[in-house]
Structure formats: C-alpha cells, structure tokens
Amino acid sequence: MASMKRQLHLWHRWLGIGIGLLVLLWFGSGIVMMYVPYPELTEAERRTWLAPLDPARVQVSADAAWRETALKGMPDAVRLNTVAGRPAWHFGHDATWSSVWADNGAVLVVDEQVASSSARSAAPDARSLSFEAIDVDQWTFGAVRVHQPLLRVTADDDVGSVVYVSSRTGELVRDTIRSERAWNWVGAVVHWIYVTPLRKQNEAWRLAVMSTSGVALLLAVTGMVLGVQRLRVQRRYAGGRMSPYKGWQGWHHWLGLSGGVLVITWLFSGWLSVGPFGFPSDPGATAQDRLAFAGGALASDDLAIDAAALLRAHPGTLELEWRRVGGTLYLSALGRTVRTLLRAQDGAVSSVLPQALLLRSAQAIRPGVAMTTTMLGDADDYYYGHHREATFPVLRTRFALPDAPVFYIDAVHGRVAGFVDRNTRWNRWLFNGMHQMDFAFLRNRPVWDVAVIALCTLGAALTSTGLVLGWKRLRKRR
C-alpha cells in the first residue's frame, strides 16, 4: 500500500510538471499569436497579387459557363477573376468549387502551368518551383478544405515561400514564408496543439485540447484554494508574515494569490473553446439565413448579365463577385485599394445600400417576427473590429424571439456580417472576453498589447515558480 501511495504521488508530480510546462508554453505562444497568426490568404494580399480583368477577353457569360460544369440547379456563389493571365469563372456549389475559362468556355483544368502562374504572383523572385499534390498539411487547416486536393508549391526564393493552389479553381488560396512558419511552430501550433497527425482527426484533437486544459484548470483551482487557505491576514505567522512560505514557495504563493484568478479564467475559457458538453460556440449566421437575406438563390438572369460591359465601366477591377440583397443583384468589385458594390442593372457604385432595401432584406431572415433596428456607425459589444474586419455603417437587427437573435447587416457591402443570440452571447464573454481580452476599454492598441503581455508574463511567472517547486520536490523524493 505504501509503495502504491508513493507511485501515485510520483505520477501526480510528473503530471503536474508536464501540464505546467504546457501551460507555460500556452502563455508564451499566446504572445506570439498576437503578432503572427496562423497562415491565411488575406484580401490585402489578393489585391496585390491578382491581375486586372481584361473585358475584351471575357467572351463567355456566367450563365453559359455554368452550363459547361453540368452541375444541377444554380450555383451558391459566382466569382470572376484572372487565373494564369486568363479570365475565369468560379462557381461555388455544395461546399466545393468548379471553374470555367471565361475566354473560351472550356472547363478549367489545373496543371503545373496554371499552378506555376498563380504561385509566381506570391513568389515572383523564385529561382525554381517544385510541386506536390496534397490533401492537408501543417498549414492548410481551416477554410481551404473546400479547395482540396491542393497543389503545394515550394519556391526557391530568399524568404522560403510555400504557397498552396486550389486544384479546383487554379487560384492561390494560402501562402506562407519561412519566418511565418517558424513563428507559428512556437505560436499557433503550440497554443492550439495543431500537430498534423492529431489535427487530422478532429474529435481526437478536440478531446486532447479539452482534457489537457481541463486537467490544468483543476490543478489551478486546487492550488488557488490551498493558497487562500494558507493566507493569514489577522492571526499571522511568526514575524508578522501573512504567508508561511519563503523563497520559491513564497514567490509561488504570492504570485498565485495575485494572478491565480487570471490563470483560472484563461484556462477555463480555453477549455470552453472546444465546446465541452455541448457548450455553444459561435457558428455565425446559417446558410439559410444568408439565403433569406439575399432574397433567394441566384437565377439564370443574374448570370446572364454583361460582365464585360461592367468591367469596361470600371477599369482595373481585379474580381467581380455576384451578390444578391433582397432579390436585387449587386456585384462586389475588388479593386487594387478598395472593394465597392455595383448595381448590376446599370453598373453604378452603391456607397451605402438604401435603408428600405436593408430593412426588407433583414425582415426576410425571420418573416413575420417583430424586429427593432439601429444603424451603427461604431462598434458595440458584439460587433467590433479588434480581431476581425468590421465595416461601418452596419444595421443591427434584433428579433423579438425567445433566443433573442441579432443580425448585423453590412450596409456597404450588402452581406450578413455578424450574428449573436442568447446562447452565443455566453461564448462572446466567456471566450472572446476572458480569453482574448476583447473588452471595449482595452480595444485600442497598444493598450491591449501592453495589458495582455503583462498578464501573460504574470501567468508565466506563476507557472514557472510552480515548475521549479515541483522539480525540487520530485528530485528530493527520488
């Protein structure tokens, strides 16, 4: 029995040291992620790399190109841009993409020549390119899954570019450079436990994050309870000390009392981020909500408009995206410096959508339900631009339903830009608030940077003293 008890103590201390090291890495990696996020292809990068559309080469309408795909129904999304120097139509349908050349109507087949042209836009100084077909690797989790399989293109350039080209559209869909990948190994990969073999199995990855953060949370809570119990404010210890500890133990005790609540809230909110026991995450507006706001699916007439004429009226356009608002067709035009909304009927620029159209489109999301609306020119508690892009003005639409749904309608670009209901409000405060420190009084930078780095440093110091004590106890017992 005594031997078993010693083994349990030994395993407990080893577990504490292992979890403590992970928590210490979480604090450090969190600081890295403030400045080097997980790789993604931003719209700013696309503006730099996309070539302007040549209206003279757009010889095939979207309607004719869609028929070439032989897919049933109508596309969910339509885009026109330049791939390998040629205009191309891209159609989103059933969570995947298909593409057709806009100059001759042939189905776009992605080969090394197409992939090379797309890759060169992000790595123009590459001395050579090498190609490999993949489904997923360390840097291709997330939204790019709809473009799988991918062509991974490794560029022999000074910054070590590795870019990913969609095998379905020929577009560049993700890019990385050597320094970004290196920082991510000590940032997002550590913080999210984004190890490829584990991350490929979504449920196994979720359980790994939930169990490690859960054990760390339990250790932090028990440590906090013990720390408070050992504190004496009135009947003090010898020498008038409030803590019985000295040296490393004293540092750990006082750091725990000052930063323990912070560590607990961070661990708790991180644990909640993977949805334990059905805790609601923030899924955003559903596809059905967006379809209702659009006023229905795209129609043949929408696809039959003269895109070349619109491009002639707006030279330098990099991409056109079909977008319906309340049954009225608009085109979102990406330019070198800004994205604008064009009326399909005459090509005129729409700076802000008519309020009557916005109200009618918003009501269609929940037909017959009373709603209250406010046009916001600045952020509120649930729609803001700290960790994401936020466009203003935005129409905040609140429906009188038990779950109190609120939709944020982008009045500039004609889209549902945000959503929150009674359940996801918990996620906003317990994760975005407690974990990312997304509070209005910290929203300005560098105030937020200083506060988060200081708090992470406090948490790291607390964890480090615990590790030192754990290691000392373990060596002593051994």
Protein backbone atom coordinates (compact mmCIF):
# COMPACT_ATOMS: atom_id res chain seq x y z
CA MET A 1 0.00 0.00 0.00
CA ALA A 2 2.81 2.40 0.90
CA SER A 3 4.53 1.65 -2.40
CA MET A 4 1.34 2.34 -4.34
CA LYS A 5 0.88 5.61 -2.48
CA ARG A 6 4.44 6.67 -3.35
CA GLN A 7 3.82 5.81 -7.00
CA LEU A 8 0.64 7.88 -7.03
CA HIS A 9 2.49 10.85 -5.55
CA LEU A 10 5.22 10.39 -8.15
CA TRP A 11 2.77 10.25 -11.05
CA HIS A 12 0.91 13.29 -9.66
CA ARG A 13 4.08 15.34 -9.57
CA TRP A 14 5.13 14.24 -13.07
CA LEU A 15 1.65 15.10 -14.34
CA GLY A 16 1.85 18.48 -12.63
CA ILE A 17 5.22 19.22 -14.23
CA GLY A 18 4.01 18.12 -17.69
CA ILE A 19 0.84 20.18 -17.52
CA GLY A 20 2.76 23.10 -16.04
CA LEU A 21 5.18 23.07 -18.96
CA LEU A 22 2.24 23.07 -21.38
CA VAL A 23 0.59 26.00 -19.58
CA LEU A 24 3.89 27.90 -19.66
CA LEU A 25 4.06 27.29 -23.42
CA TRP A 26 0.47 28.49 -23.77
CA PHE A 27 1.34 31.84 -22.21
CA GLY A 28 4.38 32.29 -24.43
CA SER A 29 2.63 31.12 -27.60
CA GLY A 30 -0.29 33.43 -26.87
CA ILE A 31 2.05 36.43 -27.05
CA VAL A 32 3.48 35.16 -30.37
CA MET A 33 -0.03 34.78 -31.82
CA MET A 34 -0.75 38.44 -31.12
CA TYR A 35 1.65 39.31 -33.92
CA VAL A 36 1.98 36.17 -36.08
CA PRO A 37 -1.39 34.44 -36.57
CA TYR A 38 -1.98 31.12 -38.27
CA PRO A 39 -1.33 31.47 -42.03
CA GLU A 40 -4.15 32.68 -44.22
CA LEU A 41 -4.51 34.49 -47.51
CA THR A 42 -5.76 37.98 -46.72
CA GLU A 43 -7.76 40.23 -49.02
CA ALA A 44 -4.91 42.75 -48.92
CA GLU A 45 -2.59 40.09 -50.36
CA ARG A 46 -5.11 39.18 -53.03
CA ARG A 47 -5.34 42.85 -54.03
CA THR A 48 -1.59 42.87 -54.51
CA TRP A 49 -1.36 39.63 -56.47
CA LEU A 50 -4.48 39.47 -58.65
CA ALA A 51 -4.13 40.81 -62.20
CA PRO A 52 -6.78 43.24 -63.52
CA LEU A 53 -9.56 41.68 -65.59
CA ASP A 54 -9.43 42.38 -69.32
CA PRO A 55 -13.00 42.97 -70.53
CA ALA A 56 -12.02 42.18 -74.14
CA ARG A 57 -11.16 38.61 -73.13
CA VAL A 58 -14.43 37.92 -71.28
CA GLN A 59 -16.25 36.23 -74.16
CA VAL A 60 -18.43 33.77 -72.24
CA SER A 61 -21.21 34.75 -69.83
CA ALA A 62 -21.52 33.25 -66.38
CA ASP A 63 -24.73 31.55 -67.48
CA ALA A 64 -23.05 29.77 -70.38
CA ALA A 65 -20.04 28.87 -68.26
CA TRP A 66 -22.26 27.42 -65.53
CA ARG A 67 -23.93 25.13 -68.05
CA GLU A 68 -20.50 23.81 -69.02
CA THR A 69 -20.00 22.46 -65.49
CA ALA A 70 -23.02 20.12 -65.97
CA LEU A 71 -23.95 20.66 -62.32
CA LYS A 72 -27.62 20.68 -61.33
CA GLY A 73 -29.54 23.69 -60.06
CA MET A 74 -27.87 27.06 -59.64
CA PRO A 75 -24.54 28.00 -58.08
CA ASP A 76 -24.38 29.26 -54.50
CA ALA A 77 -21.58 31.69 -55.34
CA VAL A 78 -20.10 33.19 -58.52
CA ARG A 79 -16.78 34.97 -58.97
CA LEU A 80 -14.85 36.23 -62.00
CA ASN A 81 -11.12 36.90 -61.81
CA THR A 82 -7.86 36.26 -63.64
CA VAL A 83 -6.05 32.90 -63.42
CA ALA A 84 -2.77 32.35 -65.28
CA GLY A 85 -3.36 35.51 -67.32
CA ARG A 86 -6.85 34.44 -68.47
CA PRO A 87 -10.30 35.40 -67.12
CA ALA A 88 -12.04 32.54 -65.33
CA TRP A 89 -15.44 31.91 -63.79
CA HIS A 90 -15.55 30.23 -60.38
CA PHE A 91 -18.76 28.62 -59.12
CA GLY A 92 -19.40 27.55 -55.53
CA HIS A 93 -21.86 24.67 -55.28
CA ASP A 94 -22.49 22.16 -52.46
CA ALA A 95 -19.41 23.25 -50.47
CA THR A 96 -16.99 22.87 -53.38
CA TRP A 97 -15.77 24.90 -56.36
CA SER A 98 -15.73 24.42 -60.13
CA SER A 99 -14.17 26.74 -62.70
CA VAL A 100 -14.55 27.53 -66.41
CA TRP A 101 -12.40 29.75 -68.62
CA ALA A 102 -14.25 32.95 -69.47
CA ASP A 103 -12.49 33.41 -72.81
CA ASN A 104 -13.45 30.12 -74.49
CA GLY A 105 -15.91 28.38 -72.17
CA ALA A 106 -13.74 25.30 -71.57
CA VAL A 107 -13.67 23.69 -68.14
CA LEU A 108 -10.60 24.90 -66.26
CA VAL A 109 -8.14 22.07 -65.56
CA VAL A 110 -5.39 22.91 -63.10
CA ASP A 111 -1.99 21.71 -64.28
CA GLU A 112 1.54 22.72 -63.33
CA GLN A 113 1.48 25.65 -65.77
CA VAL A 114 -1.62 27.13 -64.14
CA ALA A 115 -0.30 26.43 -60.65
CA SER A 116 3.07 27.93 -61.53
CA SER A 117 1.48 31.15 -62.77
CA SER A 118 -0.58 31.53 -59.59
CA ALA A 119 2.41 30.72 -57.37
CA ARG A 120 4.63 33.23 -59.17
CA SER A 121 2.31 36.05 -58.16
CA ALA A 122 3.20 35.41 -54.50
CA ALA A 123 6.80 34.35 -55.11
CA PRO A 124 7.99 36.46 -58.08
CA ASP A 125 11.67 36.08 -57.17
CA ALA A 126 11.65 32.28 -57.05
CA ARG A 127 14.51 30.72 -58.94
CA SER A 128 12.58 27.46 -59.30
CA LEU A 129 9.31 25.86 -58.21
CA SER A 130 8.52 22.32 -57.10
CA PHE A 131 5.01 20.86 -56.97
CA GLU A 132 3.30 18.29 -54.77
CA ALA A 133 -0.38 17.28 -54.59
CA ILE A 134 -1.67 17.07 -51.01
CA ASP A 135 -4.94 16.95 -49.10
CA VAL A 136 -3.77 18.61 -45.91
CA ASP A 137 -0.53 19.55 -44.18
CA GLN A 138 0.55 21.63 -41.19
CA TRP A 139 -0.56 24.94 -42.75
CA THR A 140 -3.78 24.05 -44.58
CA PHE A 141 -6.37 23.54 -41.88
CA GLY A 142 -9.48 25.68 -42.00
CA ALA A 143 -11.31 27.30 -44.89
CA VAL A 144 -9.07 25.94 -47.69
CA ARG A 145 -10.55 22.45 -47.24
CA VAL A 146 -13.14 23.30 -49.92
CA HIS A 147 -10.27 23.51 -52.42
CA GLN A 148 -8.78 20.09 -51.65
CA PRO A 149 -6.81 18.46 -53.04
CA LEU A 150 -4.25 21.24 -53.09
CA LEU A 151 -1.07 21.79 -55.03
CA ARG A 152 1.71 22.70 -52.61
CA VAL A 153 4.28 24.79 -54.44
CA THR A 154 7.69 25.21 -52.82
CA ALA A 155 9.58 28.22 -54.13
CA ASP A 156 13.34 28.54 -54.16
CA ASP A 157 13.46 32.18 -53.06
CA ASP A 158 15.14 34.13 -50.28
CA VAL A 159 12.13 34.09 -47.92
CA GLY A 160 11.34 30.38 -48.29
CA SER A 161 7.86 30.74 -49.78
CA VAL A 162 5.50 27.77 -49.75
CA VAL A 163 2.15 28.51 -51.38
CA TYR A 164 -0.98 26.46 -51.99
CA VAL A 165 -3.00 26.45 -55.20
CA SER A 166 -6.56 25.15 -55.48
CA SER A 167 -6.84 22.08 -57.70
CA ARG A 168 -10.41 23.20 -58.49
CA THR A 169 -10.00 26.86 -59.44
CA GLY A 170 -6.28 27.38 -60.03
CA GLU A 171 -6.29 30.25 -57.53
CA LEU A 172 -3.75 30.89 -54.83
CA VAL A 173 -5.58 30.04 -51.59
CA ARG A 174 -2.88 30.17 -48.91
CA ASP A 175 0.70 31.40 -48.65
CA THR A 176 3.48 31.08 -46.09
CA ILE A 177 7.08 32.16 -45.77
CA ARG A 178 9.88 30.63 -43.70
CA SER A 179 9.74 33.11 -40.82
CA GLU A 180 5.96 32.86 -40.57
CA ARG A 181 6.14 29.07 -40.34
CA ALA A 182 8.92 29.23 -37.75
CA TRP A 183 6.98 31.62 -35.51
CA ASN A 184 3.86 29.50 -35.88
CA TRP A 185 5.68 26.46 -34.50
CA VAL A 186 6.09 28.39 -31.24
CA GLY A 187 2.75 30.18 -31.67
CA ALA A 188 -0.43 28.69 -33.09
CA VAL A 189 0.87 25.10 -33.31
CA VAL A 190 1.74 25.00 -29.61
CA HIS A 191 -1.23 27.05 -28.47
CA TRP A 192 -3.87 25.03 -30.33
CA ILE A 193 -1.93 21.72 -30.22
CA TYR A 194 -2.02 21.86 -34.02
CA VAL A 195 0.09 18.78 -34.67
CA THR A 196 -0.87 17.43 -38.10
CA PRO A 197 -1.48 13.73 -37.24
CA LEU A 198 -3.70 14.76 -34.31
CA ARG A 199 -5.43 17.68 -36.05
CA LYS A 200 -6.45 15.44 -38.97
CA GLN A 201 -8.72 13.60 -36.50
CA ASN A 202 -10.97 16.43 -35.40
CA GLU A 203 -12.64 14.65 -32.48
CA ALA A 204 -9.34 13.29 -31.15
CA TRP A 205 -7.83 16.78 -31.36
CA ARG A 206 -10.85 18.29 -29.58
CA LEU A 207 -10.60 15.73 -26.77
CA ALA A 208 -6.85 16.37 -26.44
CA VAL A 209 -7.37 20.12 -26.02
CA MET A 210 -10.32 19.61 -23.68
CA SER A 211 -8.52 17.08 -21.45
CA THR A 212 -5.21 18.95 -21.14
CA SER A 213 -6.87 22.29 -20.43
CA GLY A 214 -9.32 20.56 -18.07
CA VAL A 215 -6.53 18.97 -16.01
CA ALA A 216 -4.63 22.26 -15.95
CA LEU A 217 -7.79 24.04 -14.79
CA LEU A 218 -8.29 21.50 -11.98
CA LEU A 219 -4.69 21.92 -10.80
CA ALA A 220 -5.01 25.72 -10.88
CA VAL A 221 -8.27 25.72 -8.91
CA THR A 222 -6.95 23.38 -6.22
CA GLY A 223 -3.76 25.44 -5.97
CA MET A 224 -5.78 28.63 -5.58
CA VAL A 225 -7.92 27.08 -2.83
CA LEU A 226 -4.84 25.91 -0.93
CA GLY A 227 -3.17 29.30 -1.38
CA VAL A 228 -6.13 31.16 0.09
CA GLN A 229 -6.38 28.69 2.97
CA ARG A 230 -2.74 29.26 3.89
CA LEU A 231 -3.06 33.05 3.88
CA ARG A 232 -3.38 34.72 7.29
CA VAL A 233 -4.39 38.36 7.49
CA GLN A 234 -5.19 38.62 11.22
CA ARG A 235 -3.55 35.74 13.12
CA ARG A 236 -0.29 36.00 11.28
CA TYR A 237 2.63 33.65 11.17
CA ALA A 238 5.89 34.22 13.05
CA GLY A 239 7.47 37.54 12.28
CA GLY A 240 4.11 39.05 11.25
CA ARG A 241 4.13 37.26 7.89
CA MET A 242 0.83 36.53 6.16
CA SER A 243 2.32 33.63 4.21
CA PRO A 244 4.09 30.67 5.84
CA TYR A 245 6.36 30.26 2.83
CA LYS A 246 9.76 31.66 1.93
CA GLY A 247 11.98 31.54 -1.14
CA TRP A 248 10.49 29.87 -4.21
CA GLN A 249 7.46 28.77 -2.20
CA GLY A 250 6.84 32.33 -1.08
CA TRP A 251 7.08 33.65 -4.62
CA HIS A 252 4.69 30.96 -5.83
CA HIS A 253 2.22 31.70 -3.04
CA TRP A 254 2.06 35.43 -3.65
CA LEU A 255 2.06 35.12 -7.45
CA GLY A 256 -0.76 32.59 -7.11
CA LEU A 257 -2.81 34.94 -4.96
CA SER A 258 -2.25 37.85 -7.36
CA GLY A 259 -2.53 36.03 -10.68
CA GLY A 260 -4.31 32.77 -9.89
CA VAL A 261 -7.75 34.04 -10.82
CA LEU A 262 -6.39 35.23 -14.17
CA VAL A 263 -4.84 31.81 -14.89
CA ILE A 264 -8.08 30.06 -13.93
CA THR A 265 -10.20 32.27 -16.19
CA TRP A 266 -7.82 31.78 -19.12
CA LEU A 267 -7.73 28.01 -18.68
CA PHE A 268 -11.50 27.87 -18.23
CA SER A 269 -12.21 29.94 -21.34
CA GLY A 270 -9.69 27.92 -23.36
CA TRP A 271 -11.42 24.74 -22.20
CA LEU A 272 -14.77 26.15 -23.31
CA SER A 273 -13.39 26.99 -26.78
CA VAL A 274 -13.71 23.36 -27.93
CA GLY A 275 -17.35 23.07 -26.81
CA PRO A 276 -17.26 20.65 -23.86
CA PHE A 277 -20.59 19.04 -23.02
CA GLY A 278 -22.37 20.89 -25.80
CA PHE A 279 -21.29 24.39 -24.76
CA PRO A 280 -22.42 26.68 -27.58
CA SER A 281 -19.73 28.02 -29.88
CA ASP A 282 -20.27 30.94 -32.26
CA PRO A 283 -21.29 29.43 -35.62
CA GLY A 284 -22.44 32.72 -37.09
CA ALA A 285 -25.41 33.13 -39.40
CA THR A 286 -26.55 29.96 -41.17
CA ALA A 287 -26.62 29.40 -44.92
CA GLN A 288 -30.41 29.59 -44.72
CA ASP A 289 -30.22 32.99 -43.01
CA ARG A 290 -27.95 34.31 -45.75
CA LEU A 291 -30.17 32.90 -48.48
CA ALA A 292 -33.23 34.57 -46.93
CA PHE A 293 -31.38 37.90 -46.72
CA ALA A 294 -30.37 37.54 -50.38
CA GLY A 295 -33.99 37.05 -51.37
CA GLY A 296 -33.41 33.62 -52.84
CA ALA A 297 -30.82 31.81 -54.90
CA LEU A 298 -29.14 33.20 -57.99
CA ALA A 299 -31.16 32.88 -61.20
CA SER A 300 -30.21 32.46 -64.85
CA ASP A 301 -30.95 36.13 -65.49
CA ASP A 302 -28.43 37.06 -62.80
CA LEU A 303 -25.74 35.00 -64.51
CA ALA A 304 -26.60 36.32 -67.97
CA ILE A 305 -25.63 39.96 -67.33
CA ASP A 306 -22.88 41.51 -69.45
CA ALA A 307 -19.84 41.32 -67.19
CA ALA A 308 -17.55 42.74 -69.89
CA ALA A 309 -19.59 45.94 -70.04
CA LEU A 310 -19.30 46.37 -66.27
CA LEU A 311 -15.54 45.85 -66.47
CA ARG A 312 -15.24 48.46 -69.21
CA ALA A 313 -17.08 50.91 -66.98
CA HIS A 314 -14.76 50.12 -64.07
CA PRO A 315 -11.26 49.55 -65.47
CA GLY A 316 -8.71 47.98 -63.17
CA THR A 317 -11.22 45.70 -61.45
CA LEU A 318 -9.49 42.59 -60.09
CA GLU A 319 -12.53 40.47 -59.30
CA LEU A 320 -16.31 40.52 -59.56
CA GLU A 321 -18.47 38.62 -57.08
CA TRP A 322 -22.21 38.13 -57.56
CA ARG A 323 -24.22 39.23 -54.51
CA ARG A 324 -27.99 39.44 -54.06
CA VAL A 325 -29.69 41.67 -51.49
CA GLY A 326 -33.44 41.27 -51.07
CA GLY A 327 -33.74 39.82 -54.59
CA THR A 328 -31.76 42.67 -56.18
CA LEU A 329 -28.47 41.75 -57.82
CA TYR A 330 -25.30 43.63 -56.96
CA LEU A 331 -21.70 42.93 -57.88
CA SER A 332 -18.93 43.22 -55.31
CA ALA A 333 -15.94 44.63 -57.22
CA LEU A 334 -12.47 44.16 -55.77
CA GLY A 335 -10.06 46.91 -56.77
CA ARG A 336 -6.40 47.46 -56.04
CA THR A 337 -7.16 49.58 -52.96
CA VAL A 338 -10.82 49.08 -52.06
CA ARG A 339 -13.86 46.83 -52.54
CA THR A 340 -17.01 48.52 -53.88
CA LEU A 341 -20.58 47.44 -54.56
CA LEU A 342 -22.00 47.93 -58.06
CA ARG A 343 -25.64 47.87 -59.12
CA ALA A 344 -25.99 45.14 -61.71
CA GLN A 345 -28.67 46.99 -63.68
CA ASP A 346 -26.51 49.99 -64.55
CA GLY A 347 -23.06 49.42 -63.03
CA ALA A 348 -23.36 52.45 -60.75
CA VAL A 349 -21.37 52.42 -57.49
CA SER A 350 -23.53 51.99 -54.38
CA SER A 351 -21.75 53.61 -51.44
CA VAL A 352 -24.45 52.62 -48.90
CA LEU A 353 -27.44 50.41 -49.68
CA PRO A 354 -30.90 52.02 -49.46
CA GLN A 355 -32.33 51.66 -45.98
CA ALA A 356 -35.67 50.39 -47.27
CA LEU A 357 -33.89 47.55 -49.07
CA LEU A 358 -31.86 46.71 -45.97
CA LEU A 359 -34.96 46.63 -43.77
CA ARG A 360 -36.88 44.45 -46.22
CA SER A 361 -33.95 42.06 -46.58
CA ALA A 362 -33.40 41.87 -42.83
CA GLN A 363 -37.06 41.13 -42.17
CA ALA A 364 -36.90 38.23 -44.63
CA ILE A 365 -34.45 36.45 -42.29
CA ARG A 366 -37.28 35.98 -39.77
CA PRO A 367 -40.51 36.65 -41.69
CA GLY A 368 -43.41 37.98 -39.66
CA VAL A 369 -41.35 38.46 -36.47
CA ALA A 370 -41.22 41.91 -34.88
CA MET A 371 -37.79 43.48 -35.14
CA THR A 372 -36.02 46.59 -33.92
CA THR A 373 -33.19 48.10 -35.93
CA THR A 374 -30.38 50.57 -35.30
CA MET A 375 -27.87 51.86 -37.84
CA LEU A 376 -24.48 51.72 -36.12
CA GLY A 377 -21.60 53.91 -37.11
CA ASP A 378 -19.30 52.44 -34.48
CA ALA A 379 -18.71 49.18 -32.62
CA ASP A 380 -20.93 47.72 -29.92
CA ASP A 381 -20.27 44.82 -27.54
CA TYR A 382 -20.83 42.12 -30.17
CA TYR A 383 -19.72 43.66 -33.47
CA TYR A 384 -16.29 45.24 -33.44
CA GLY A 385 -13.05 45.21 -35.34
CA HIS A 386 -10.45 44.11 -32.80
CA HIS A 387 -9.69 40.57 -34.05
CA ARG A 388 -11.61 40.76 -37.32
CA GLU A 389 -12.56 43.19 -40.05
CA ALA A 390 -15.63 45.27 -39.24
CA THR A 391 -17.24 47.58 -41.79
CA PHE A 392 -19.50 50.51 -40.86
CA PRO A 393 -22.25 51.59 -41.08
CA VAL A 394 -23.95 48.35 -40.10
CA LEU A 395 -27.65 47.73 -39.49
CA ARG A 396 -28.19 45.98 -36.15
CA THR A 397 -31.42 43.96 -36.37
CA ARG A 398 -32.87 42.44 -33.21
CA PHE A 399 -35.79 39.99 -33.47
CA ALA A 400 -38.41 39.51 -30.73
CA LEU A 401 -37.86 35.76 -30.26
CA PRO A 402 -37.03 33.67 -27.17
CA ASP A 403 -33.41 33.20 -28.26
CA ALA A 404 -33.10 36.97 -28.95
CA PRO A 405 -31.22 36.70 -32.29
CA VAL A 406 -29.39 39.79 -33.54
CA PHE A 407 -28.05 40.13 -37.09
CA TYR A 408 -25.54 42.75 -38.19
CA ILE A 409 -26.10 43.77 -41.81
CA ASP A 410 -23.18 45.38 -43.64
CA ALA A 411 -24.78 48.38 -45.36
CA VAL A 412 -21.72 48.99 -47.54
CA HIS A 413 -21.11 45.51 -48.97
CA GLY A 414 -24.61 44.04 -48.71
CA ARG A 415 -23.95 40.99 -46.56
CA VAL A 416 -24.76 39.48 -43.17
CA ALA A 417 -21.62 40.46 -41.29
CA GLY A 418 -22.39 39.21 -37.78
CA PHE A 419 -24.79 37.24 -35.65
CA VAL A 420 -25.37 36.65 -31.95
CA ASP A 421 -28.15 35.03 -29.94
CA ARG A 422 -28.77 34.21 -26.30
CA ASN A 423 -26.52 31.15 -26.36
CA THR A 424 -23.63 32.60 -28.32
CA ARG A 425 -23.55 35.67 -26.09
CA TRP A 426 -22.05 33.37 -23.48
CA ASN A 427 -19.33 32.45 -25.95
CA ARG A 428 -18.60 36.11 -26.66
CA TRP A 429 -17.95 36.95 -22.99
CA LEU A 430 -16.52 33.66 -21.74
CA PHE A 431 -14.14 33.16 -24.68
CA ASN A 432 -13.62 36.40 -26.61
CA GLY A 433 -13.80 38.41 -23.40
CA MET A 434 -11.98 36.25 -20.89
CA HIS A 435 -9.52 34.55 -23.25
CA GLN A 436 -8.75 37.22 -25.86
CA MET A 437 -9.38 40.21 -23.57
CA ASP A 438 -11.85 41.69 -26.04
CA PHE A 439 -13.22 44.43 -23.84
CA ALA A 440 -14.10 47.92 -25.00
CA PHE A 441 -11.68 49.63 -22.60
CA LEU A 442 -8.80 47.52 -23.99
CA ARG A 443 -9.77 47.65 -27.65
CA ASN A 444 -7.25 50.30 -28.68
CA ARG A 445 -3.68 49.30 -29.43
CA PRO A 446 -1.08 49.41 -27.95
CA VAL A 447 -3.14 49.48 -24.72
CA TRP A 448 -4.37 45.95 -25.42
CA ASP A 449 -0.85 44.72 -26.28
CA VAL A 450 0.66 46.06 -23.06
CA ALA A 451 -2.15 44.66 -20.91
CA VAL A 452 -2.12 41.19 -22.48
CA ILE A 453 1.69 40.86 -22.44
CA ALA A 454 1.81 41.97 -18.80
CA LEU A 455 -0.86 39.47 -17.80
CA CYS A 456 0.79 36.66 -19.79
CA THR A 457 4.09 37.47 -18.09
CA LEU A 458 2.40 37.27 -14.68
CA GLY A 459 0.85 33.91 -15.58
CA ALA A 460 4.18 32.62 -16.91
CA ALA A 461 5.97 33.68 -13.71
CA LEU A 462 3.39 31.87 -11.57
CA THR A 463 3.68 28.73 -13.70
CA SER A 464 7.49 28.86 -13.67
CA THR A 465 7.70 29.01 -9.88
CA GLY A 466 5.33 26.05 -9.68
CA LEU A 467 7.55 24.10 -12.07
CA VAL A 468 10.66 24.87 -10.01
CA LEU A 469 8.96 23.71 -6.83
CA GLY A 470 7.61 20.59 -8.50
CA TRP A 471 11.03 19.66 -9.85
CA LYS A 472 12.70 20.29 -6.48
CA ARG A 473 10.14 18.07 -4.72
CA LEU A 474 10.50 15.37 -7.32
CA ARG A 475 14.31 15.31 -7.06
CA LYS A 476 14.15 15.29 -3.30
CA ARG A 477 11.75 12.35 -3.19
CA ARG A 478 13.78 10.43 -5.76
